[in-house]
PDB file of all heavy atoms in Angstrom:
ATOM      1  N   GLN A   1      17.922 124.439   6.747  1.00  0.00           N
ATOM      2  CA  GLN A   1      17.808 123.488   7.779  1.00  0.00           C
ATOM      3  C   GLN A   1      16.388 122.997   7.937  1.00  0.00           C
ATOM      4  O   GLN A   1      16.055 121.847   8.299  1.00  0.00           O
ATOM      5  CB  GLN A   1      18.443 123.915   9.010  1.00  0.00           C
ATOM      6  CG  GLN A   1      18.575 122.924  10.117  1.00  0.00           C
ATOM      7  CD  GLN A   1      19.350 121.561   9.558  1.00  0.00           C
ATOM      8  OE1 GLN A   1      20.255 121.749   8.782  1.00  0.00           O
ATOM      9  NE2 GLN A   1      19.033 120.528  10.134  1.00  0.00           N
ATOM     10  N   GLN A   2      15.415 123.953   7.939  1.00  0.00           N
ATOM     11  CA  GLN A   2      14.034 123.689   8.168  1.00  0.00           C
ATOM     12  C   GLN A   2      13.496 122.653   7.073  1.00  0.00           C
ATOM     13  O   GLN A   2      12.757 121.716   7.344  1.00  0.00           O
ATOM     14  CB  GLN A   2      13.228 124.952   8.133  1.00  0.00           C
ATOM     15  CG  GLN A   2      11.715 124.724   8.411  1.00  0.00           C
ATOM     16  CD  GLN A   2      11.522 124.208   9.772  1.00  0.00           C
ATOM     17  OE1 GLN A   2      11.814 124.917  10.729  1.00  0.00           O
ATOM     18  NE2 GLN A   2      10.843 123.054   9.955  1.00  0.00           N
ATOM     19  N   ILE A   3      14.063 122.800   5.816  1.00  0.00           N
ATOM     20  CA  ILE A   3      13.667 121.916   4.716  1.00  0.00           C
ATOM     21  C   ILE A   3      14.181 120.546   5.111  1.00  0.00           C
ATOM     22  O   ILE A   3      13.525 119.457   4.881  1.00  0.00           O
ATOM     23  CB  ILE A   3      14.206 122.423   3.393  1.00  0.00           C
ATOM     24  CG1 ILE A   3      13.557 123.660   3.029  1.00  0.00           C
ATOM     25  CG2 ILE A   3      14.042 121.350   2.336  1.00  0.00           C
ATOM     26  CD1 ILE A   3      14.138 124.325   1.740  1.00  0.00           C
ATOM     27  N   ASN A   4      15.419 120.450   5.649  1.00  0.00           N
ATOM     28  CA  ASN A   4      16.061 119.114   5.975  1.00  0.00           C
ATOM     29  C   ASN A   4      15.156 118.473   7.107  1.00  0.00           C
ATOM     30  O   ASN A   4      14.974 117.292   7.085  1.00  0.00           O
ATOM     31  CB  ASN A   4      17.428 119.329   6.363  1.00  0.00           C
ATOM     32  CG  ASN A   4      18.307 119.826   5.335  1.00  0.00           C
ATOM     33  OD1 ASN A   4      18.082 119.530   4.129  1.00  0.00           O
ATOM     34  ND2 ASN A   4      19.436 120.453   5.632  1.00  0.00           N
ATOM     35  N   VAL A   5      14.636 119.263   8.046  1.00  0.00           N
ATOM     36  CA  VAL A   5      13.948 118.754   9.066  1.00  0.00           C
ATOM     37  C   VAL A   5      12.605 118.090   8.488  1.00  0.00           C
ATOM     38  O   VAL A   5      12.114 117.096   9.021  1.00  0.00           O
ATOM     39  CB  VAL A   5      13.626 119.889  10.177  1.00  0.00           C
ATOM     40  CG1 VAL A   5      12.601 119.378  11.150  1.00  0.00           C
ATOM     41  CG2 VAL A   5      14.925 120.150  10.877  1.00  0.00           C
ATOM     42  N   ASN A   6      11.848 118.946   7.566  1.00  0.00           N
ATOM     43  CA  ASN A   6      10.693 118.402   7.054  1.00  0.00           C
ATOM     44  C   ASN A   6      10.859 117.122   6.286  1.00  0.00           C
ATOM     45  O   ASN A   6      10.118 116.163   6.387  1.00  0.00           O
ATOM     46  CB  ASN A   6      10.106 119.442   6.131  1.00  0.00           C
ATOM     47  CG  ASN A   6       9.731 120.721   6.909  1.00  0.00           C
ATOM     48  OD1 ASN A   6       9.494 120.726   8.121  1.00  0.00           O
ATOM     49  ND2 ASN A   6       9.637 121.828   6.170  1.00  0.00           N
ATOM     50  N   THR A   7      12.005 117.015   5.548  1.00  0.00           N
ATOM     51  CA  THR A   7      12.338 115.816   4.841  1.00  0.00           C
ATOM     52  C   THR A   7      12.543 114.599   5.751  1.00  0.00           C
ATOM     53  O   THR A   7      12.072 113.570   5.599  1.00  0.00           O
ATOM     54  CB  THR A   7      13.507 115.958   3.898  1.00  0.00           C
ATOM     55  OG1 THR A   7      13.329 117.131   2.989  1.00  0.00           O
ATOM     56  CG2 THR A   7      13.904 114.746   3.105  1.00  0.00           C
ATOM     57  N   ALA A   8      13.289 114.950   6.788  1.00  0.00           N
ATOM     58  CA  ALA A   8      13.494 113.894   7.858  1.00  0.00           C
ATOM     59  C   ALA A   8      12.247 113.457   8.478  1.00  0.00           C
ATOM     60  O   ALA A   8      12.052 112.213   8.781  1.00  0.00           O
ATOM     61  CB  ALA A   8      14.507 114.422   8.931  1.00  0.00           C
ATOM     62  N   GLU A   9      11.304 114.274   8.762  1.00  0.00           N
ATOM     63  CA  GLU A   9      10.043 113.946   9.361  1.00  0.00           C
ATOM     64  C   GLU A   9       9.276 113.057   8.410  1.00  0.00           C
ATOM     65  O   GLU A   9       8.636 112.028   8.916  1.00  0.00           O
ATOM     66  CB  GLU A   9       9.224 115.181   9.682  1.00  0.00           C
ATOM     67  CG  GLU A   9       9.750 115.963  10.861  1.00  0.00           C
ATOM     68  CD  GLU A   9       9.002 117.267  11.072  1.00  0.00           C
ATOM     69  OE1 GLU A   9       8.138 117.670  10.166  1.00  0.00           O
ATOM     70  OE2 GLU A   9       9.165 117.900  12.136  1.00  0.00           O
ATOM     71  N   ALA A  10       9.198 113.398   7.051  1.00  0.00           N
ATOM     72  CA  ALA A  10       8.563 112.421   6.200  1.00  0.00           C
ATOM     73  C   ALA A  10       9.199 111.030   6.184  1.00  0.00           C
ATOM     74  O   ALA A  10       8.509 110.032   5.989  1.00  0.00           O
ATOM     75  CB  ALA A  10       8.555 113.043   4.767  1.00  0.00           C
ATOM     76  N   ALA A  11      10.478 111.051   6.155  1.00  0.00           N
ATOM     77  CA  ALA A  11      11.179 109.669   6.228  1.00  0.00           C
ATOM     78  C   ALA A  11      10.848 108.889   7.515  1.00  0.00           C
ATOM     79  O   ALA A  11      10.695 107.706   7.388  1.00  0.00           O
ATOM     80  CB  ALA A  11      12.710 109.995   6.160  1.00  0.00           C
ATOM     81  N   VAL A  12      10.738 109.603   8.587  1.00  0.00           N
ATOM     82  CA  VAL A  12      10.347 108.939   9.790  1.00  0.00           C
ATOM     83  C   VAL A  12       8.857 108.309   9.734  1.00  0.00           C
ATOM     84  O   VAL A  12       8.613 107.253  10.142  1.00  0.00           O
ATOM     85  CB  VAL A  12      10.372 109.975  10.998  1.00  0.00           C
ATOM     86  CG1 VAL A  12       9.770 109.255  12.229  1.00  0.00           C
ATOM     87  CG2 VAL A  12      11.931 110.274  11.278  1.00  0.00           C
ATOM     88  N   VAL A  13       7.993 109.108   9.136  1.00  0.00           N
ATOM     89  CA  VAL A  13       6.658 108.577   8.915  1.00  0.00           C
ATOM     90  C   VAL A  13       6.533 107.404   8.039  1.00  0.00           C
ATOM     91  O   VAL A  13       5.863 106.366   8.333  1.00  0.00           O
ATOM     92  CB  VAL A  13       5.719 109.769   8.421  1.00  0.00           C
ATOM     93  CG1 VAL A  13       4.293 109.204   8.073  1.00  0.00           C
ATOM     94  CG2 VAL A  13       5.601 110.883   9.403  1.00  0.00           C
ATOM     95  N   GLU A  14       7.379 107.476   6.977  1.00  0.00           N
ATOM     96  CA  GLU A  14       7.364 106.344   6.042  1.00  0.00           C
ATOM     97  C   GLU A  14       7.977 105.059   6.693  1.00  0.00           C
ATOM     98  O   GLU A  14       7.439 103.965   6.592  1.00  0.00           O
ATOM     99  CB  GLU A  14       8.249 106.834   4.800  1.00  0.00           C
ATOM    100  CG  GLU A  14       8.267 105.614   3.804  1.00  0.00           C
ATOM    101  CD  GLU A  14       9.073 106.043   2.523  1.00  0.00           C
ATOM    102  OE1 GLU A  14       9.592 107.226   2.566  1.00  0.00           O
ATOM    103  OE2 GLU A  14       9.265 105.240   1.656  1.00  0.00           O
ATOM    104  N   ALA A  15       9.059 105.295   7.398  1.00  0.00           N
ATOM    105  CA  ALA A  15       9.704 104.099   8.083  1.00  0.00           C
ATOM    106  C   ALA A  15       8.811 103.551   9.219  1.00  0.00           C
ATOM    107  O   ALA A  15       8.725 102.337   9.378  1.00  0.00           O
ATOM    108  CB  ALA A  15      11.082 104.587   8.663  1.00  0.00           C
ATOM    109  N   ARG A  16       8.079 104.379   9.903  1.00  0.00           N
ATOM    110  CA  ARG A  16       7.231 103.917  10.869  1.00  0.00           C
ATOM    111  C   ARG A  16       6.055 103.072  10.210  1.00  0.00           C
ATOM    112  O   ARG A  16       5.692 101.943  10.777  1.00  0.00           O
ATOM    113  CB  ARG A  16       6.566 105.031  11.692  1.00  0.00           C
ATOM    114  CG  ARG A  16       5.634 104.681  12.704  1.00  0.00           C
ATOM    115  CD  ARG A  16       4.996 105.837  13.394  1.00  0.00           C
ATOM    116  NE  ARG A  16       4.110 106.497  12.434  1.00  0.00           N
ATOM    117  CZ  ARG A  16       3.570 107.802  12.679  1.00  0.00           C
ATOM    118  NH1 ARG A  16       3.847 108.363  13.902  1.00  0.00           N
ATOM    119  NH2 ARG A  16       2.923 108.306  11.718  1.00  0.00           N
ATOM    120  N   ASN A  17       5.483 103.518   9.083  1.00  0.00           N
ATOM    121  CA  ASN A  17       4.509 102.734   8.437  1.00  0.00           C
ATOM    122  C   ASN A  17       5.065 101.413   7.995  1.00  0.00           C
ATOM    123  O   ASN A  17       4.331 100.412   8.028  1.00  0.00           O
ATOM    124  CB  ASN A  17       3.897 103.556   7.322  1.00  0.00           C
ATOM    125  CG  ASN A  17       3.139 104.830   7.683  1.00  0.00           C
ATOM    126  OD1 ASN A  17       2.612 104.794   8.827  1.00  0.00           O
ATOM    127  ND2 ASN A  17       3.040 105.837   6.912  1.00  0.00           N
ATOM    128  N   VAL A  18       6.261 101.414   7.429  1.00  0.00           N
ATOM    129  CA  VAL A  18       6.908 100.110   6.964  1.00  0.00           C
ATOM    130  C   VAL A  18       6.925  99.144   8.105  1.00  0.00           C
ATOM    131  O   VAL A  18       6.752  97.892   8.033  1.00  0.00           O
ATOM    132  CB  VAL A  18       8.246 100.434   6.337  1.00  0.00           C
ATOM    133  CG1 VAL A  18       8.844  99.053   6.005  1.00  0.00           C
ATOM    134  CG2 VAL A  18       7.968 101.122   4.979  1.00  0.00           C
ATOM    135  N   TYR A  19       7.372  99.662   9.291  1.00  0.00           N
ATOM    136  CA  TYR A  19       7.522  98.822  10.451  1.00  0.00           C
ATOM    137  C   TYR A  19       6.163  98.227  10.896  1.00  0.00           C
ATOM    138  O   TYR A  19       5.947  97.052  11.201  1.00  0.00           O
ATOM    139  CB  TYR A  19       8.152  99.559  11.640  1.00  0.00           C
ATOM    140  CG  TYR A  19       8.050  98.919  12.912  1.00  0.00           C
ATOM    141  CD1 TYR A  19       8.901  97.841  13.192  1.00  0.00           C
ATOM    142  CD2 TYR A  19       7.194  99.308  13.913  1.00  0.00           C
ATOM    143  CE1 TYR A  19       8.874  97.220  14.454  1.00  0.00           C
ATOM    144  CE2 TYR A  19       7.119  98.846  15.108  1.00  0.00           C
ATOM    145  CZ  TYR A  19       7.923  97.717  15.395  1.00  0.00           C
ATOM    146  OH  TYR A  19       7.868  97.056  16.579  1.00  0.00           O
ATOM    147  N   GLU A  20       5.122  99.153  10.981  1.00  0.00           N
ATOM    148  CA  GLU A  20       3.875  98.682  11.409  1.00  0.00           C
ATOM    149  C   GLU A  20       3.312  97.762  10.355  1.00  0.00           C
ATOM    150  O   GLU A  20       2.559  96.676  10.829  1.00  0.00           O
ATOM    151  CB  GLU A  20       2.903  99.892  11.617  1.00  0.00           C
ATOM    152  CG  GLU A  20       3.289 100.830  12.774  1.00  0.00           C
ATOM    153  CD  GLU A  20       2.448 102.014  12.816  1.00  0.00           C
ATOM    154  OE1 GLU A  20       1.670 102.193  11.962  1.00  0.00           O
ATOM    155  OE2 GLU A  20       2.611 102.713  13.827  1.00  0.00           O
ATOM    156  N   THR A  21       3.554  97.930   9.139  1.00  0.00           N
ATOM    157  CA  THR A  21       3.071  96.983   8.106  1.00  0.00           C
ATOM    158  C   THR A  21       3.792  95.573   8.284  1.00  0.00           C
ATOM    159  O   THR A  21       3.138  94.554   8.153  1.00  0.00           O
ATOM    160  CB  THR A  21       3.372  97.515   6.719  1.00  0.00           C
ATOM    161  OG1 THR A  21       2.710  98.733   6.566  1.00  0.00           O
ATOM    162  CG2 THR A  21       2.978  96.469   5.679  1.00  0.00           C
ATOM    163  N   ALA A  22       5.048  95.551   8.630  1.00  0.00           N
ATOM    164  CA  ALA A  22       5.777  94.317   8.790  1.00  0.00           C
ATOM    165  C   ALA A  22       5.091  93.583  10.034  1.00  0.00           C
ATOM    166  O   ALA A  22       5.009  92.354  10.004  1.00  0.00           O
ATOM    167  CB  ALA A  22       7.214  94.624   9.058  1.00  0.00           C
ATOM    168  N   VAL A  23       4.744  94.292  11.102  1.00  0.00           N
ATOM    169  CA  VAL A  23       4.205  93.716  12.343  1.00  0.00           C
ATOM    170  C   VAL A  23       2.807  93.100  11.958  1.00  0.00           C
ATOM    171  O   VAL A  23       2.471  91.932  12.379  1.00  0.00           O
ATOM    172  CB  VAL A  23       4.000  94.693  13.507  1.00  0.00           C
ATOM    173  CG1 VAL A  23       3.248  94.097  14.618  1.00  0.00           C
ATOM    174  CG2 VAL A  23       5.467  95.137  13.915  1.00  0.00           C
ATOM    175  N   ILE A  24       2.008  93.785  11.163  1.00  0.00           N
ATOM    176  CA  ILE A  24       0.768  93.348  10.751  1.00  0.00           C
ATOM    177  C   ILE A  24       0.944  92.115   9.872  1.00  0.00           C
ATOM    178  O   ILE A  24       0.124  91.144   9.875  1.00  0.00           O
ATOM    179  CB  ILE A  24      -0.065  94.423  10.093  1.00  0.00           C
ATOM    180  CG1 ILE A  24      -0.391  95.496  11.085  1.00  0.00           C
ATOM    181  CG2 ILE A  24      -1.339  93.935   9.373  1.00  0.00           C
ATOM    182  CD1 ILE A  24      -1.023  96.725  10.412  1.00  0.00           C
ATOM    183  N   ALA A  25       1.917  92.150   8.876  1.00  0.00           N
ATOM    184  CA  ALA A  25       2.112  90.966   8.106  1.00  0.00           C
ATOM    185  C   ALA A  25       2.356  89.691   8.895  1.00  0.00           C
ATOM    186  O   ALA A  25       1.922  88.533   8.491  1.00  0.00           O
ATOM    187  CB  ALA A  25       3.276  91.273   7.120  1.00  0.00           C
ATOM    188  N   LYS A  26       3.087  89.824   9.926  1.00  0.00           N
ATOM    189  CA  LYS A  26       3.361  88.669  10.743  1.00  0.00           C
ATOM    190  C   LYS A  26       2.103  88.079  11.342  1.00  0.00           C
ATOM    191  O   LYS A  26       1.839  86.872  11.379  1.00  0.00           O
ATOM    192  CB  LYS A  26       4.396  88.980  11.821  1.00  0.00           C
ATOM    193  CG  LYS A  26       4.701  87.864  12.765  1.00  0.00           C
ATOM    194  CD  LYS A  26       5.690  88.182  13.815  1.00  0.00           C
ATOM    195  CE  LYS A  26       5.995  87.003  14.754  1.00  0.00           C
ATOM    196  NZ  LYS A  26       6.987  87.449  15.786  1.00  0.00           N
ATOM    197  N   ARG A  27       1.278  88.939  12.023  1.00  0.00           N
ATOM    198  CA  ARG A  27       0.071  88.554  12.504  1.00  0.00           C
ATOM    199  C   ARG A  27      -0.824  88.006  11.450  1.00  0.00           C
ATOM    200  O   ARG A  27      -1.646  87.013  11.720  1.00  0.00           O
ATOM    201  CB  ARG A  27      -0.650  89.732  13.285  1.00  0.00           C
ATOM    202  CG  ARG A  27       0.097  90.255  14.499  1.00  0.00           C
ATOM    203  CD  ARG A  27      -0.639  91.365  15.117  1.00  0.00           C
ATOM    204  NE  ARG A  27      -2.011  90.996  15.440  1.00  0.00           N
ATOM    205  CZ  ARG A  27      -2.987  91.806  15.797  1.00  0.00           C
ATOM    206  NH1 ARG A  27      -2.744  93.084  15.821  1.00  0.00           N
ATOM    207  NH2 ARG A  27      -4.167  91.295  16.074  1.00  0.00           N
ATOM    208  N   GLU A  28      -0.807  88.696  10.300  1.00  0.00           N
ATOM    209  CA  GLU A  28      -1.705  88.139   9.181  1.00  0.00           C
ATOM    210  C   GLU A  28      -1.301  86.704   8.787  1.00  0.00           C
ATOM    211  O   GLU A  28      -2.223  85.932   8.617  1.00  0.00           O
ATOM    212  CB  GLU A  28      -1.526  89.003   8.003  1.00  0.00           C
ATOM    213  CG  GLU A  28      -2.369  88.618   6.834  1.00  0.00           C
ATOM    214  CD  GLU A  28      -2.067  89.421   5.535  1.00  0.00           C
ATOM    215  OE1 GLU A  28      -0.984  90.187   5.582  1.00  0.00           O
ATOM    216  OE2 GLU A  28      -2.806  89.369   4.615  1.00  0.00           O
ATOM    217  N   TYR A  29      -0.048  86.459   8.767  1.00  0.00           N
ATOM    218  CA  TYR A  29       0.330  85.105   8.413  1.00  0.00           C
ATOM    219  C   TYR A  29      -0.040  84.037   9.530  1.00  0.00           C
ATOM    220  O   TYR A  29      -0.541  83.006   9.205  1.00  0.00           O
ATOM    221  CB  TYR A  29       1.885  85.012   8.116  1.00  0.00           C
ATOM    222  CG  TYR A  29       2.327  83.636   7.709  1.00  0.00           C
ATOM    223  CD1 TYR A  29       2.137  83.100   6.570  1.00  0.00           C
ATOM    224  CD2 TYR A  29       2.975  82.908   8.731  1.00  0.00           C
ATOM    225  CE1 TYR A  29       2.571  81.772   6.287  1.00  0.00           C
ATOM    226  CE2 TYR A  29       3.486  81.648   8.512  1.00  0.00           C
ATOM    227  CZ  TYR A  29       3.280  81.068   7.225  1.00  0.00           C
ATOM    228  OH  TYR A  29       3.591  79.757   6.936  1.00  0.00           O
ATOM    229  N   LEU A  30       0.331  84.347  10.681  1.00  0.00           N
ATOM    230  CA  LEU A  30       0.065  83.486  11.751  1.00  0.00           C
ATOM    231  C   LEU A  30      -1.467  83.198  12.048  1.00  0.00           C
ATOM    232  O   LEU A  30      -1.823  82.074  12.288  1.00  0.00           O
ATOM    233  CB  LEU A  30       0.737  83.918  13.099  1.00  0.00           C
ATOM    234  CG  LEU A  30       2.233  83.866  13.132  1.00  0.00           C
ATOM    235  CD1 LEU A  30       2.725  84.472  14.448  1.00  0.00           C
ATOM    236  CD2 LEU A  30       2.691  82.414  12.973  1.00  0.00           C
ATOM    237  N   GLU A  31      -2.229  84.324  11.925  1.00  0.00           N
ATOM    238  CA  GLU A  31      -3.600  84.165  12.340  1.00  0.00           C
ATOM    239  C   GLU A  31      -4.532  83.965  11.119  1.00  0.00           C
ATOM    240  O   GLU A  31      -5.625  83.659  11.245  1.00  0.00           O
ATOM    241  CB  GLU A  31      -3.960  85.400  13.071  1.00  0.00           C
ATOM    242  CG  GLU A  31      -3.276  85.593  14.440  1.00  0.00           C
ATOM    243  CD  GLU A  31      -3.690  86.813  15.216  1.00  0.00           C
ATOM    244  OE1 GLU A  31      -4.636  87.484  14.689  1.00  0.00           O
ATOM    245  OE2 GLU A  31      -3.022  87.188  16.165  1.00  0.00           O
ATOM    246  N   GLY A  32      -3.934  84.232   9.908  1.00  0.00           N
ATOM    247  CA  GLY A  32      -4.770  84.116   8.753  1.00  0.00           C
ATOM    248  C   GLY A  32      -4.293  83.139   7.602  1.00  0.00           C
ATOM    249  O   GLY A  32      -4.832  82.062   7.418  1.00  0.00           O
ATOM    250  N   THR A  33      -3.199  83.560   7.059  1.00  0.00           N
ATOM    251  CA  THR A  33      -2.708  82.832   5.868  1.00  0.00           C
ATOM    252  C   THR A  33      -2.308  81.386   6.270  1.00  0.00           C
ATOM    253  O   THR A  33      -2.696  80.401   5.575  1.00  0.00           O
ATOM    254  CB  THR A  33      -1.526  83.596   5.278  1.00  0.00           C
ATOM    255  OG1 THR A  33      -1.882  84.899   4.919  1.00  0.00           O
ATOM    256  CG2 THR A  33      -0.939  82.819   3.997  1.00  0.00           C
ATOM    257  N   PHE A  34      -1.592  81.269   7.303  1.00  0.00           N
ATOM    258  CA  PHE A  34      -1.133  79.978   7.741  1.00  0.00           C
ATOM    259  C   PHE A  34      -2.279  79.094   8.166  1.00  0.00           C
ATOM    260  O   PHE A  34      -2.422  77.862   7.719  1.00  0.00           O
ATOM    261  CB  PHE A  34      -0.218  80.062   8.884  1.00  0.00           C
ATOM    262  CG  PHE A  34       0.132  78.706   9.476  1.00  0.00           C
ATOM    263  CD1 PHE A  34       1.115  77.924   8.908  1.00  0.00           C
ATOM    264  CD2 PHE A  34      -0.339  78.287  10.773  1.00  0.00           C
ATOM    265  CE1 PHE A  34       1.454  76.635   9.345  1.00  0.00           C
ATOM    266  CE2 PHE A  34       0.040  77.094  11.320  1.00  0.00           C
ATOM    267  CZ  PHE A  34       0.871  76.278  10.596  1.00  0.00           C
ATOM    268  N   VAL A  35      -3.302  79.551   8.858  1.00  0.00           N
ATOM    269  CA  VAL A  35      -4.498  78.801   9.225  1.00  0.00           C
ATOM    270  C   VAL A  35      -5.319  78.372   7.981  1.00  0.00           C
ATOM    271  O   VAL A  35      -5.717  77.234   7.982  1.00  0.00           O
ATOM    272  CB  VAL A  35      -5.352  79.584  10.206  1.00  0.00           C
ATOM    273  CG1 VAL A  35      -6.566  78.886  10.553  1.00  0.00           C
ATOM    274  CG2 VAL A  35      -4.548  79.792  11.461  1.00  0.00           C
ATOM    275  N   GLN A  36      -5.333  79.328   7.151  1.00  0.00           N
ATOM    276  CA  GLN A  36      -6.077  78.941   5.806  1.00  0.00           C
ATOM    277  C   GLN A  36      -5.415  77.981   5.028  1.00  0.00           C
ATOM    278  O   GLN A  36      -6.083  76.934   4.610  1.00  0.00           O
ATOM    279  CB  GLN A  36      -6.278  80.291   5.047  1.00  0.00           C
ATOM    280  CG  GLN A  36      -7.005  80.129   3.728  1.00  0.00           C
ATOM    281  CD  GLN A  36      -7.159  81.404   2.979  1.00  0.00           C
ATOM    282  OE1 GLN A  36      -6.556  82.432   3.424  1.00  0.00           O
ATOM    283  NE2 GLN A  36      -7.905  81.312   1.848  1.00  0.00           N
ATOM    284  N   GLU A  37      -4.143  77.969   4.915  1.00  0.00           N
ATOM    285  CA  GLU A  37      -3.429  76.957   4.203  1.00  0.00           C
ATOM    286  C   GLU A  37      -3.577  75.559   4.870  1.00  0.00           C
ATOM    287  O   GLU A  37      -3.644  74.636   4.186  1.00  0.00           O
ATOM    288  CB  GLU A  37      -1.863  77.357   3.995  1.00  0.00           C
ATOM    289  CG  GLU A  37      -1.806  78.525   3.079  1.00  0.00           C
ATOM    290  CD  GLU A  37      -0.329  78.935   2.953  1.00  0.00           C
ATOM    291  OE1 GLU A  37       0.581  78.406   3.727  1.00  0.00           O
ATOM    292  OE2 GLU A  37       0.006  79.824   2.126  1.00  0.00           O
ATOM    293  N   VAL A  38      -3.439  75.648   6.215  1.00  0.00           N
ATOM    294  CA  VAL A  38      -3.522  74.444   6.979  1.00  0.00           C
ATOM    295  C   VAL A  38      -4.983  73.743   6.697  1.00  0.00           C
ATOM    296  O   VAL A  38      -5.081  72.553   6.435  1.00  0.00           O
ATOM    297  CB  VAL A  38      -3.363  74.593   8.453  1.00  0.00           C
ATOM    298  CG1 VAL A  38      -3.755  73.395   9.276  1.00  0.00           C
ATOM    299  CG2 VAL A  38      -1.896  74.918   8.736  1.00  0.00           C
ATOM    300  N   GLU A  39      -5.994  74.610   6.803  1.00  0.00           N
ATOM    301  CA  GLU A  39      -7.292  74.102   6.568  1.00  0.00           C
ATOM    302  C   GLU A  39      -7.488  73.566   5.157  1.00  0.00           C
ATOM    303  O   GLU A  39      -8.150  72.539   4.958  1.00  0.00           O
ATOM    304  CB  GLU A  39      -8.319  75.210   6.869  1.00  0.00           C
ATOM    305  CG  GLU A  39      -8.435  75.538   8.372  1.00  0.00           C
ATOM    306  CD  GLU A  39      -9.362  76.665   8.616  1.00  0.00           C
ATOM    307  OE1 GLU A  39      -9.806  77.269   7.555  1.00  0.00           O
ATOM    308  OE2 GLU A  39      -9.692  76.913   9.724  1.00  0.00           O
ATOM    309  N   THR A  40      -6.855  74.217   4.143  1.00  0.00           N
ATOM    310  CA  THR A  40      -6.984  73.797   2.773  1.00  0.00           C
ATOM    311  C   THR A  40      -6.303  72.406   2.597  1.00  0.00           C
ATOM    312  O   THR A  40      -6.892  71.457   1.955  1.00  0.00           O
ATOM    313  CB  THR A  40      -6.349  74.784   1.851  1.00  0.00           C
ATOM    314  OG1 THR A  40      -6.992  76.012   1.939  1.00  0.00           O
ATOM    315  CG2 THR A  40      -6.414  74.372   0.361  1.00  0.00           C
ATOM    316  N   LEU A  41      -5.173  72.324   3.086  1.00  0.00           N
ATOM    317  CA  LEU A  41      -4.410  71.099   3.045  1.00  0.00           C
ATOM    318  C   LEU A  41      -5.082  69.970   3.799  1.00  0.00           C
ATOM    319  O   LEU A  41      -5.080  68.661   3.319  1.00  0.00           O
ATOM    320  CB  LEU A  41      -2.981  71.234   3.439  1.00  0.00           C
ATOM    321  CG  LEU A  41      -2.056  72.127   2.607  1.00  0.00           C
ATOM    322  CD1 LEU A  41      -0.756  72.229   3.267  1.00  0.00           C
ATOM    323  CD2 LEU A  41      -2.004  71.505   1.158  1.00  0.00           C
ATOM    324  N   GLU A  42      -5.669  70.222   4.908  1.00  0.00           N
ATOM    325  CA  GLU A  42      -6.338  69.188   5.718  1.00  0.00           C
ATOM    326  C   GLU A  42      -7.629  68.809   4.923  1.00  0.00           C
ATOM    327  O   GLU A  42      -7.999  67.508   4.919  1.00  0.00           O
ATOM    328  CB  GLU A  42      -6.808  69.700   6.996  1.00  0.00           C
ATOM    329  CG  GLU A  42      -5.643  69.920   8.002  1.00  0.00           C
ATOM    330  CD  GLU A  42      -5.998  70.474   9.367  1.00  0.00           C
ATOM    331  OE1 GLU A  42      -7.181  71.040   9.430  1.00  0.00           O
ATOM    332  OE2 GLU A  42      -5.238  70.418  10.355  1.00  0.00           O
ATOM    333  N   SER A  43      -8.181  69.686   4.221  1.00  0.00           N
ATOM    334  CA  SER A  43      -9.424  69.358   3.389  1.00  0.00           C
ATOM    335  C   SER A  43      -8.959  68.467   2.270  1.00  0.00           C
ATOM    336  O   SER A  43      -9.706  67.425   1.907  1.00  0.00           O
ATOM    337  CB  SER A  43     -10.094  70.541   2.827  1.00  0.00           C
ATOM    338  OG  SER A  43     -11.113  70.283   1.990  1.00  0.00           O
ATOM    339  N   GLU A  44      -7.848  68.810   1.593  1.00  0.00           N
ATOM    340  CA  GLU A  44      -7.354  67.928   0.534  1.00  0.00           C
ATOM    341  C   GLU A  44      -7.045  66.509   1.119  1.00  0.00           C
ATOM    342  O   GLU A  44      -7.298  65.537   0.450  1.00  0.00           O
ATOM    343  CB  GLU A  44      -6.083  68.650  -0.098  1.00  0.00           C
ATOM    344  CG  GLU A  44      -6.453  69.785  -0.833  1.00  0.00           C
ATOM    345  CD  GLU A  44      -5.148  70.500  -1.452  1.00  0.00           C
ATOM    346  OE1 GLU A  44      -4.134  69.855  -1.290  1.00  0.00           O
ATOM    347  OE2 GLU A  44      -5.233  71.612  -2.090  1.00  0.00           O
ATOM    348  N   LEU A  45      -6.451  66.439   2.217  1.00  0.00           N
ATOM    349  CA  LEU A  45      -6.052  65.196   2.845  1.00  0.00           C
ATOM    350  C   LEU A  45      -7.316  64.401   3.117  1.00  0.00           C
ATOM    351  O   LEU A  45      -7.373  63.174   2.975  1.00  0.00           O
ATOM    352  CB  LEU A  45      -5.253  65.488   4.121  1.00  0.00           C
ATOM    353  CG  LEU A  45      -4.840  64.135   4.829  1.00  0.00           C
ATOM    354  CD1 LEU A  45      -3.994  63.224   3.927  1.00  0.00           C
ATOM    355  CD2 LEU A  45      -4.122  64.498   6.084  1.00  0.00           C
ATOM    356  N   PHE A  46      -8.299  64.995   3.620  1.00  0.00           N
ATOM    357  CA  PHE A  46      -9.570  64.446   3.956  1.00  0.00           C
ATOM    358  C   PHE A  46     -10.199  63.770   2.732  1.00  0.00           C
ATOM    359  O   PHE A  46     -10.730  62.678   2.633  1.00  0.00           O
ATOM    360  CB  PHE A  46     -10.561  65.363   4.611  1.00  0.00           C
ATOM    361  CG  PHE A  46     -11.938  64.740   4.864  1.00  0.00           C
ATOM    362  CD1 PHE A  46     -11.979  63.938   5.998  1.00  0.00           C
ATOM    363  CD2 PHE A  46     -12.939  65.115   4.078  1.00  0.00           C
ATOM    364  CE1 PHE A  46     -13.310  63.381   6.296  1.00  0.00           C
ATOM    365  CE2 PHE A  46     -14.211  64.564   4.433  1.00  0.00           C
ATOM    366  CZ  PHE A  46     -14.342  63.676   5.453  1.00  0.00           C
TER     367      PHE A  46
END
């Protein structure tokens, strides 16, 4: 059972990292990728 607990703890750490990565990806798109693409297209339009 101690082995099962250790495996479950590792799975929790991995799932938490995936969640935090997803949150960062959203901020990255809104505050970085999207703004960059808008500026690029506006430059092309200009």
